[in-house]
């Protein structure tokens, strides 16, 4: 088992733009090191027919730690 299992994986948070079938946009995030895996994880979480594209956004260390994402976790950002 990995020594990081169960610990926040905040070094590799990928930001993804999701476009719904009615052309609305959403921002999703996932904690994964590989860019291709990030998009695949988001595509697995959203309805068929929606699209996902990786955004070139680097989060600050403070922002990554506040998310508390676990390795492989996918999360949709909500408006406050």
N, C-alpha and C. Protein backbone atom coordinates (compact mmCIF):
# COMPACT_ATOMS: atom_id res chain seq x y z
N UNK A 1 0.83 -1.19 0.00
CA UNK A 1 0.00 0.00 0.00
C UNK A 1 0.87 1.24 0.00
N UNK A 2 0.33 2.28 -0.57
CA UNK A 2 1.03 3.55 -0.64
C UNK A 2 1.07 4.22 0.73
N UNK A 3 2.15 4.90 0.99
CA UNK A 3 2.27 5.65 2.24
C UNK A 3 1.32 6.84 2.26
N UNK A 4 0.84 7.23 1.08
CA UNK A 4 -0.04 8.40 0.98
C UNK A 4 -1.51 8.02 1.03
N UNK A 5 -1.82 6.75 1.13
CA UNK A 5 -3.21 6.32 1.13
C UNK A 5 -3.97 6.95 2.28
N UNK A 6 -5.09 7.60 1.95
CA UNK A 6 -5.91 8.21 2.98
C UNK A 6 -5.49 9.61 3.37
N UNK A 7 -4.39 10.09 2.81
CA UNK A 7 -3.92 11.44 3.11
C UNK A 7 -4.28 12.36 1.95
N UNK A 8 -4.48 13.63 2.24
CA UNK A 8 -4.78 14.57 1.15
C UNK A 8 -3.67 14.57 0.11
N UNK A 9 -4.05 14.55 -1.13
CA UNK A 9 -3.12 14.59 -2.27
C UNK A 9 -3.29 15.94 -2.93
N UNK A 10 -2.64 16.94 -2.40
CA UNK A 10 -2.90 18.31 -2.84
C UNK A 10 -1.86 18.84 -3.82
N UNK A 11 -0.81 18.08 -4.11
CA UNK A 11 0.23 18.58 -5.01
C UNK A 11 -0.20 18.60 -6.47
N UNK A 12 -1.17 17.76 -6.83
CA UNK A 12 -1.57 17.64 -8.23
C UNK A 12 -3.08 17.78 -8.38
N UNK A 13 -3.58 18.96 -8.15
CA UNK A 13 -5.00 19.22 -8.35
C UNK A 13 -5.18 19.79 -9.75
N UNK A 14 -5.98 19.09 -10.54
CA UNK A 14 -6.24 19.51 -11.93
C UNK A 14 -7.60 20.19 -12.00
N UNK A 15 -7.68 21.27 -12.74
CA UNK A 15 -8.91 22.03 -12.91
C UNK A 15 -9.44 21.75 -14.32
N UNK A 16 -10.73 21.39 -14.39
CA UNK A 16 -11.32 20.94 -15.65
C UNK A 16 -12.60 21.73 -15.92
N UNK A 17 -12.75 22.18 -17.16
CA UNK A 17 -13.97 22.84 -17.61
C UNK A 17 -14.91 21.79 -18.19
N UNK A 18 -16.11 21.73 -17.65
CA UNK A 18 -17.13 20.79 -18.14
C UNK A 18 -18.20 21.60 -18.87
N UNK A 19 -18.56 21.11 -20.05
CA UNK A 19 -19.64 21.72 -20.82
C UNK A 19 -20.79 20.73 -20.87
N UNK A 20 -21.96 21.17 -20.42
CA UNK A 20 -23.13 20.30 -20.38
C UNK A 20 -23.76 20.21 -21.77
N UNK A 21 -24.74 19.34 -21.90
CA UNK A 21 -25.39 19.19 -23.21
C UNK A 21 -26.22 20.41 -23.61
N UNK A 22 -26.51 21.32 -22.67
CA UNK A 22 -27.19 22.57 -23.04
C UNK A 22 -26.23 23.76 -23.02
N UNK A 23 -24.94 23.47 -23.12
CA UNK A 23 -23.85 24.45 -23.26
C UNK A 23 -23.59 25.29 -22.01
N UNK A 24 -24.07 24.86 -20.85
CA UNK A 24 -23.67 25.51 -19.60
C UNK A 24 -22.26 25.05 -19.26
N UNK A 25 -21.55 25.85 -18.49
CA UNK A 25 -20.19 25.51 -18.09
C UNK A 25 -20.10 25.32 -16.59
N UNK A 26 -19.29 24.35 -16.20
CA UNK A 26 -19.04 24.06 -14.79
C UNK A 26 -17.54 23.87 -14.62
N UNK A 27 -17.06 24.14 -13.41
CA UNK A 27 -15.66 23.89 -13.09
C UNK A 27 -15.61 22.70 -12.12
N UNK A 28 -14.80 21.73 -12.48
CA UNK A 28 -14.59 20.53 -11.66
C UNK A 28 -13.11 20.43 -11.35
N UNK A 29 -12.77 19.71 -10.29
CA UNK A 29 -11.38 19.47 -9.92
C UNK A 29 -11.19 18.01 -9.58
N UNK A 30 -9.97 17.55 -9.78
CA UNK A 30 -9.62 16.20 -9.39
C UNK A 30 -8.16 16.17 -8.94
N UNK A 31 -7.87 15.30 -8.00
CA UNK A 31 -6.51 15.16 -7.48
C UNK A 31 -5.84 13.97 -8.16
N UNK A 32 -5.06 14.26 -9.18
CA UNK A 32 -4.33 13.23 -9.90
C UNK A 32 -3.10 13.85 -10.56
N UNK A 33 -2.06 13.07 -10.66
CA UNK A 33 -0.81 13.58 -11.21
C UNK A 33 -0.84 13.72 -12.73
N UNK A 34 -1.54 12.81 -13.40
CA UNK A 34 -1.51 12.79 -14.87
C UNK A 34 -2.70 13.55 -15.45
N UNK A 35 -2.41 14.42 -16.41
CA UNK A 35 -3.45 15.25 -17.03
C UNK A 35 -4.52 14.41 -17.71
N UNK A 36 -4.13 13.39 -18.46
CA UNK A 36 -5.09 12.54 -19.18
C UNK A 36 -6.00 11.82 -18.19
N UNK A 37 -5.46 11.36 -17.09
CA UNK A 37 -6.25 10.67 -16.07
C UNK A 37 -7.27 11.64 -15.47
N UNK A 38 -6.87 12.89 -15.30
CA UNK A 38 -7.78 13.90 -14.73
C UNK A 38 -9.03 14.04 -15.58
N UNK A 39 -8.87 14.19 -16.87
CA UNK A 39 -10.01 14.34 -17.77
C UNK A 39 -10.85 13.07 -17.77
N UNK A 40 -10.21 11.91 -17.80
CA UNK A 40 -10.94 10.64 -17.78
C UNK A 40 -11.77 10.49 -16.51
N UNK A 41 -11.22 10.88 -15.37
CA UNK A 41 -11.97 10.78 -14.10
C UNK A 41 -13.21 11.67 -14.12
N UNK A 42 -13.05 12.87 -14.67
CA UNK A 42 -14.19 13.79 -14.76
C UNK A 42 -15.24 13.22 -15.72
N UNK A 43 -14.80 12.72 -16.86
CA UNK A 43 -15.74 12.14 -17.82
C UNK A 43 -16.51 10.97 -17.21
N UNK A 44 -15.88 10.21 -16.34
CA UNK A 44 -16.56 9.11 -15.65
C UNK A 44 -17.62 9.61 -14.67
N UNK A 45 -17.46 10.85 -14.19
CA UNK A 45 -18.36 11.40 -13.17
C UNK A 45 -19.52 12.21 -13.73
N UNK A 46 -19.43 12.61 -14.99
CA UNK A 46 -20.47 13.47 -15.56
C UNK A 46 -21.34 12.66 -16.52
N UNK A 47 -22.53 13.18 -16.83
CA UNK A 47 -23.42 12.46 -17.75
C UNK A 47 -22.83 12.32 -19.15
N UNK A 48 -23.21 11.25 -19.82
CA UNK A 48 -22.79 11.02 -21.20
C UNK A 48 -23.29 12.18 -22.07
N UNK A 49 -22.45 12.61 -22.98
CA UNK A 49 -22.81 13.73 -23.86
C UNK A 49 -22.21 15.05 -23.41
N UNK A 50 -21.79 15.12 -22.15
CA UNK A 50 -21.09 16.30 -21.67
C UNK A 50 -19.62 16.17 -22.05
N UNK A 51 -18.92 17.30 -22.12
CA UNK A 51 -17.49 17.26 -22.45
C UNK A 51 -16.66 17.83 -21.30
N UNK A 52 -15.39 17.47 -21.30
CA UNK A 52 -14.46 17.94 -20.27
C UNK A 52 -13.14 18.29 -20.93
N UNK A 53 -12.59 19.44 -20.55
CA UNK A 53 -11.28 19.84 -21.06
C UNK A 53 -10.46 20.45 -19.93
N UNK A 54 -9.22 20.06 -19.91
CA UNK A 54 -8.29 20.50 -18.88
C UNK A 54 -7.99 21.99 -19.04
N UNK A 55 -8.04 22.72 -17.94
CA UNK A 55 -7.68 24.13 -17.94
C UNK A 55 -6.25 24.27 -17.43
N UNK A 56 -5.53 25.24 -17.95
CA UNK A 56 -4.15 25.49 -17.54
C UNK A 56 -4.15 26.46 -16.36
N UNK A 57 -4.61 25.95 -15.21
CA UNK A 57 -4.70 26.75 -14.00
C UNK A 57 -3.88 26.08 -12.91
N UNK A 58 -3.00 26.83 -12.31
CA UNK A 58 -2.19 26.33 -11.19
C UNK A 58 -2.73 26.94 -9.91
N UNK A 59 -3.14 26.09 -8.99
CA UNK A 59 -3.63 26.59 -7.71
C UNK A 59 -2.47 26.87 -6.77
N UNK A 60 -2.65 27.84 -5.91
CA UNK A 60 -1.66 28.14 -4.88
C UNK A 60 -1.66 27.01 -3.85
N UNK A 61 -0.55 26.78 -3.18
CA UNK A 61 -0.51 25.73 -2.15
C UNK A 61 -1.64 25.87 -1.12
N UNK A 62 -1.94 27.08 -0.72
CA UNK A 62 -3.01 27.32 0.26
C UNK A 62 -4.36 26.88 -0.31
N UNK A 63 -4.59 27.19 -1.58
CA UNK A 63 -5.85 26.80 -2.23
C UNK A 63 -5.97 25.29 -2.33
N UNK A 64 -4.87 24.63 -2.70
CA UNK A 64 -4.89 23.16 -2.81
C UNK A 64 -5.17 22.52 -1.46
N UNK A 65 -4.55 23.03 -0.41
CA UNK A 65 -4.75 22.42 0.91
C UNK A 65 -6.17 22.65 1.43
N UNK A 66 -6.77 23.78 1.09
CA UNK A 66 -8.15 24.05 1.52
C UNK A 66 -9.15 23.10 0.88
N UNK A 67 -8.85 22.60 -0.29
CA UNK A 67 -9.75 21.67 -0.97
C UNK A 67 -9.84 20.32 -0.27
N UNK A 68 -8.74 19.91 0.35
CA UNK A 68 -8.68 18.62 1.05
C UNK A 68 -9.11 17.45 0.17
N UNK A 69 -8.70 17.47 -1.09
CA UNK A 69 -9.00 16.38 -1.99
C UNK A 69 -8.13 15.17 -1.68
N UNK A 70 -8.72 14.00 -1.73
CA UNK A 70 -7.98 12.75 -1.60
C UNK A 70 -7.52 12.34 -2.99
N UNK A 71 -6.47 11.55 -3.08
CA UNK A 71 -5.96 11.07 -4.36
C UNK A 71 -7.09 10.42 -5.15
N UNK A 72 -7.28 10.89 -6.38
CA UNK A 72 -8.30 10.34 -7.26
C UNK A 72 -9.69 10.93 -7.08
N UNK A 73 -9.88 11.74 -6.06
CA UNK A 73 -11.21 12.33 -5.80
C UNK A 73 -11.57 13.35 -6.88
N UNK A 74 -12.86 13.39 -7.21
CA UNK A 74 -13.41 14.32 -8.18
C UNK A 74 -14.44 15.18 -7.47
N UNK A 75 -14.41 16.47 -7.75
CA UNK A 75 -15.36 17.37 -7.08
C UNK A 75 -15.79 18.50 -8.02
N UNK A 76 -17.09 18.78 -8.04
CA UNK A 76 -17.62 19.92 -8.78
C UNK A 76 -17.56 21.13 -7.85
N UNK A 77 -17.08 22.25 -8.37
CA UNK A 77 -17.07 23.48 -7.58
C UNK A 77 -18.46 24.06 -7.59
N UNK A 78 -18.87 24.54 -6.45
CA UNK A 78 -20.19 25.17 -6.37
C UNK A 78 -20.01 26.65 -6.08
N UNK A 79 -21.01 27.40 -6.44
CA UNK A 79 -20.97 28.84 -6.18
C UNK A 79 -21.38 29.08 -4.75
N UNK A 80 -20.78 30.08 -4.15
CA UNK A 80 -21.11 30.43 -2.76
C UNK A 80 -22.04 31.58 -2.74
